[in-house]
Every structure is written in structure tokens, then in C-alpha cells.
Amino acid sequence: MSEPNNSKWDSGEAVPAADLIELQSGGVVSRTIVKKKAGTVTVFAFDADEGLSEHTTPFEALLMSLVGDADITISGIPHRVGKGDMIRLPANEPHAVKAVSPFTMLLIMIRE
């Protein structure tokens, strides 16, 4: 994967969301692309078998899969997502992410 094209994004041009972050072998990386009082938009990239452990937040969130597949667990119920799929993460419900393959997602968190 090439370097994220920050100049195009910063100038307001359209860019593929997955190009805003670069996958790192054996890791999880994130990049917040919008941060406002009302919420955040963050791109995450996970290598295969990497993830985020179960946690809760007091805010609603929408997860959209951009590249690859992942298992998303919400309140103990597993859900498989693939490219183009979206899933709602309800506020105050425990959830976790586990990449099945190299996986990139967009997370929109609504604070208000």
C-alpha cells in the first residue's frame, strides 16, 4: 500500500477512504480524520488476527468495512462484516473487533 495521500485529503479533494491509512504488519493503526464536539470520524487498519478488545463507550457509533473481513462482537453476539458492510455499535453495549484478514474500517462516533 502506498503512503496516505494527505495533500489531496487536506485540500478537500476526494480520496479513497482506505488510502488515508497504511496497514502495519502485526498491528493496529488509526487516524482521526474529523474531530468535532458532536463526534469523530476515524479510519482504522488491522493486520489479520489483530483487533480491539471488548470495551464499551457511552456513544453511538457506525462502523463501515472498507477492506477485508472482520468479526464484530456486540453484547456477545458475533457478526461478520466484509467490504462495504456497515454495522451499528449501540451506546453502552460491549463490543470488540477481530480482523479475519487485513482489515480497514471507518468508524463514525456520535457524541451528541
C-alpha atoms as a PDB file:
ATOM      1  CA  MET A   1       0.000   0.000   0.000  1.00  0.00           C
ATOM      2  CA  SER A   2       1.283   3.468  -0.806  1.00  0.00           C
ATOM      3  CA  GLU A   3       1.678   6.354   1.615  1.00  0.00           C
ATOM      4  CA  PRO A   4      -1.612   8.013   2.612  1.00  0.00           C
ATOM      5  CA  ASN A   5      -2.233  10.966   0.297  1.00  0.00           C
ATOM      6  CA  ASN A   6      -2.519  13.718   2.905  1.00  0.00           C
ATOM      7  CA  SER A   7      -2.145  16.596   0.431  1.00  0.00           C
ATOM      8  CA  LYS A   8      -5.258  15.583  -1.550  1.00  0.00           C
ATOM      9  CA  TRP A   9      -7.279  14.989   1.621  1.00  0.00           C
ATOM     10  CA  ASP A  10      -6.128  18.228   3.221  1.00  0.00           C
ATOM     11  CA  SER A  11      -7.028  20.208   0.096  1.00  0.00           C
ATOM     12  CA  GLY A  12     -10.601  18.919   0.102  1.00  0.00           C
ATOM     13  CA  GLU A  13     -10.265  16.551  -2.856  1.00  0.00           C
ATOM     14  CA  ALA A  14     -11.993  13.174  -2.958  1.00  0.00           C
ATOM     15  CA  VAL A  15      -9.776  10.255  -1.949  1.00  0.00           C
ATOM     16  CA  PRO A  16     -10.456   6.564  -1.313  1.00  0.00           C
ATOM     17  CA  ALA A  17     -11.019   6.246   2.451  1.00  0.00           C
ATOM     18  CA  ALA A  18      -8.738   3.187   2.677  1.00  0.00           C
ATOM     19  CA  ASP A  19      -5.872   5.300   1.290  1.00  0.00           C
ATOM     20  CA  LEU A  20      -5.969   7.568   4.349  1.00  0.00           C
ATOM     21  CA  ILE A  21      -4.149   4.983   6.453  1.00  0.00           C
ATOM     22  CA  GLU A  22      -1.435   2.407   5.905  1.00  0.00           C
ATOM     23  CA  LEU A  23      -1.637  -1.132   7.280  1.00  0.00           C
ATOM     24  CA  GLN A  24       1.237  -2.113   9.577  1.00  0.00           C
ATOM     25  CA  SER A  25       2.326  -5.734   9.800  1.00  0.00           C
ATOM     26  CA  GLY A  26       1.234  -7.286  13.097  1.00  0.00           C
ATOM     27  CA  GLY A  27      -0.530  -4.182  14.327  1.00  0.00           C
ATOM     28  CA  VAL A  28      -3.487  -1.870  14.564  1.00  0.00           C
ATOM     29  CA  VAL A  29      -3.248   1.757  13.460  1.00  0.00           C
ATOM     30  CA  SER A  30      -5.787   4.570  13.478  1.00  0.00           C
ATOM     31  CA  ARG A  31      -6.108   8.057  12.077  1.00  0.00           C
ATOM     32  CA  THR A  32      -8.754  10.537  13.167  1.00  0.00           C
ATOM     33  CA  ILE A  33      -9.836  12.491  10.106  1.00  0.00           C
ATOM     34  CA  VAL A  34     -12.619  14.568  11.710  1.00  0.00           C
ATOM     35  CA  LYS A  35     -12.758  15.591  15.368  1.00  0.00           C
ATOM     36  CA  LYS A  36     -15.639  17.787  16.493  1.00  0.00           C
ATOM     37  CA  LYS A  37     -17.648  18.263  19.658  1.00  0.00           C
ATOM     38  CA  ALA A  38     -20.516  16.324  18.025  1.00  0.00           C
ATOM     39  CA  GLY A  39     -18.334  13.312  17.176  1.00  0.00           C
ATOM     40  CA  THR A  40     -15.353  11.852  15.381  1.00  0.00           C
ATOM     41  CA  VAL A  41     -14.575  10.028  12.154  1.00  0.00           C
ATOM     42  CA  THR A  42     -11.621   7.654  12.390  1.00  0.00           C
ATOM     43  CA  VAL A  43     -10.039   5.231   9.933  1.00  0.00           C
ATOM     44  CA  PHE A  44      -8.543   2.037  11.426  1.00  0.00           C
ATOM     45  CA  ALA A  45      -6.322  -0.585   9.784  1.00  0.00           C
ATOM     46  CA  PHE A  46      -5.785  -4.026  11.336  1.00  0.00           C
ATOM     47  CA  ASP A  47      -3.447  -6.768  10.242  1.00  0.00           C
ATOM     48  CA  ALA A  48      -5.036 -10.246  10.134  1.00  0.00           C
ATOM     49  CA  ASP A  49      -5.793 -11.651  13.607  1.00  0.00           C
ATOM     50  CA  GLU A  50      -5.378  -8.235  15.242  1.00  0.00           C
ATOM     51  CA  GLY A  51      -8.220  -6.386  16.912  1.00  0.00           C
ATOM     52  CA  LEU A  52      -9.666  -4.237  19.643  1.00  0.00           C
ATOM     53  CA  SER A  53     -10.575  -5.995  22.870  1.00  0.00           C
ATOM     54  CA  GLU A  54     -14.081  -5.807  24.241  1.00  0.00           C
ATOM     55  CA  HIS A  55     -14.983  -2.353  25.532  1.00  0.00           C
ATOM     56  CA  THR A  56     -17.951  -0.010  25.889  1.00  0.00           C
ATOM     57  CA  THR A  57     -18.455   3.652  25.101  1.00  0.00           C
ATOM     58  CA  PRO A  58     -21.283   5.981  26.111  1.00  0.00           C
ATOM     59  CA  PHE A  59     -21.755   6.968  22.441  1.00  0.00           C
ATOM     60  CA  GLU A  60     -23.444   5.502  19.371  1.00  0.00           C
ATOM     61  CA  ALA A  61     -21.098   4.530  16.547  1.00  0.00           C
ATOM     62  CA  LEU A  62     -21.342   3.337  12.968  1.00  0.00           C
ATOM     63  CA  LEU A  63     -18.644   1.008  11.633  1.00  0.00           C
ATOM     64  CA  MET A  64     -18.156   0.617   7.876  1.00  0.00           C
ATOM     65  CA  SER A  65     -15.849  -2.028   6.445  1.00  0.00           C
ATOM     66  CA  LEU A  66     -13.627  -0.670   3.657  1.00  0.00           C
ATOM     67  CA  VAL A  67     -11.185  -3.548   3.000  1.00  0.00           C
ATOM     68  CA  GLY A  68     -11.129  -7.164   4.182  1.00  0.00           C
ATOM     69  CA  ASP A  69     -13.245  -9.059   6.692  1.00  0.00           C
ATOM     70  CA  ALA A  70     -13.654  -8.870  10.458  1.00  0.00           C
ATOM     71  CA  ASP A  71     -15.702 -10.357  13.248  1.00  0.00           C
ATOM     72  CA  ILE A  72     -17.507  -7.702  15.254  1.00  0.00           C
ATOM     73  CA  THR A  73     -18.925  -8.876  18.564  1.00  0.00           C
ATOM     74  CA  ILE A  74     -21.711  -6.818  20.142  1.00  0.00           C
ATOM     75  CA  SER A  75     -23.001  -7.890  23.563  1.00  0.00           C
ATOM     76  CA  GLY A  76     -21.524 -11.349  22.978  1.00  0.00           C
ATOM     77  CA  ILE A  77     -23.145 -11.834  19.554  1.00  0.00           C
ATOM     78  CA  PRO A  78     -20.666 -12.242  16.650  1.00  0.00           C
ATOM     79  CA  HIS A  79     -21.237 -10.538  13.292  1.00  0.00           C
ATOM     80  CA  ARG A  80     -19.045 -10.993  10.194  1.00  0.00           C
ATOM     81  CA  VAL A  81     -18.515  -7.834   8.121  1.00  0.00           C
ATOM     82  CA  GLY A  82     -16.890  -7.507   4.702  1.00  0.00           C
ATOM     83  CA  LYS A  83     -16.129  -4.739   2.236  1.00  0.00           C
ATOM     84  CA  GLY A  84     -18.982  -2.245   2.091  1.00  0.00           C
ATOM     85  CA  ASP A  85     -20.854  -3.635   5.105  1.00  0.00           C
ATOM     86  CA  MET A  86     -21.968  -1.346   7.920  1.00  0.00           C
ATOM     87  CA  ILE A  87     -22.901  -2.199  11.474  1.00  0.00           C
ATOM     88  CA  ARG A  88     -24.264  -0.056  14.313  1.00  0.00           C
ATOM     89  CA  LEU A  89     -22.468  -0.134  17.654  1.00  0.00           C
ATOM     90  CA  PRO A  90     -25.037   0.895  20.271  1.00  0.00           C
ATOM     91  CA  ALA A  91     -24.008   3.118  23.157  1.00  0.00           C
ATOM     92  CA  ASN A  92     -23.158   1.313  26.407  1.00  0.00           C
ATOM     93  CA  GLU A  93     -23.087  -2.129  24.739  1.00  0.00           C
ATOM     94  CA  PRO A  94     -19.819  -4.108  24.938  1.00  0.00           C
ATOM     95  CA  HIS A  95     -18.209  -4.625  21.533  1.00  0.00           C
ATOM     96  CA  ALA A  96     -14.950  -5.911  20.057  1.00  0.00           C
ATOM     97  CA  VAL A  97     -13.253  -6.108  16.652  1.00  0.00           C
ATOM     98  CA  LYS A  98     -11.141  -9.022  15.351  1.00  0.00           C
ATOM     99  CA  ALA A  99      -9.700  -8.889  11.826  1.00  0.00           C
ATOM    100  CA  VAL A 100     -10.121 -12.129   9.861  1.00  0.00           C
ATOM    101  CA  SER A 101      -7.921 -10.764   7.062  1.00  0.00           C
ATOM    102  CA  PRO A 102      -6.104  -7.448   6.708  1.00  0.00           C
ATOM    103  CA  PHE A 103      -8.988  -5.091   7.519  1.00  0.00           C
ATOM    104  CA  THR A 104      -9.638  -1.376   7.174  1.00  0.00           C
ATOM    105  CA  MET A 105     -12.714   0.314   8.601  1.00  0.00           C
ATOM    106  CA  LEU A 106     -14.247   3.730   9.035  1.00  0.00           C
ATOM    107  CA  LEU A 107     -15.711   4.483  12.470  1.00  0.00           C
ATOM    108  CA  ILE A 108     -18.162   7.348  12.921  1.00  0.00           C
ATOM    109  CA  MET A 109     -18.797   8.122  16.589  1.00  0.00           C
ATOM    110  CA  ILE A 110     -21.685  10.412  17.509  1.00  0.00           C
ATOM    111  CA  ARG A 111     -21.235  12.215  20.819  1.00  0.00           C
ATOM    112  CA  GLU A 112     -24.352  14.384  20.745  1.00  0.00           C
END
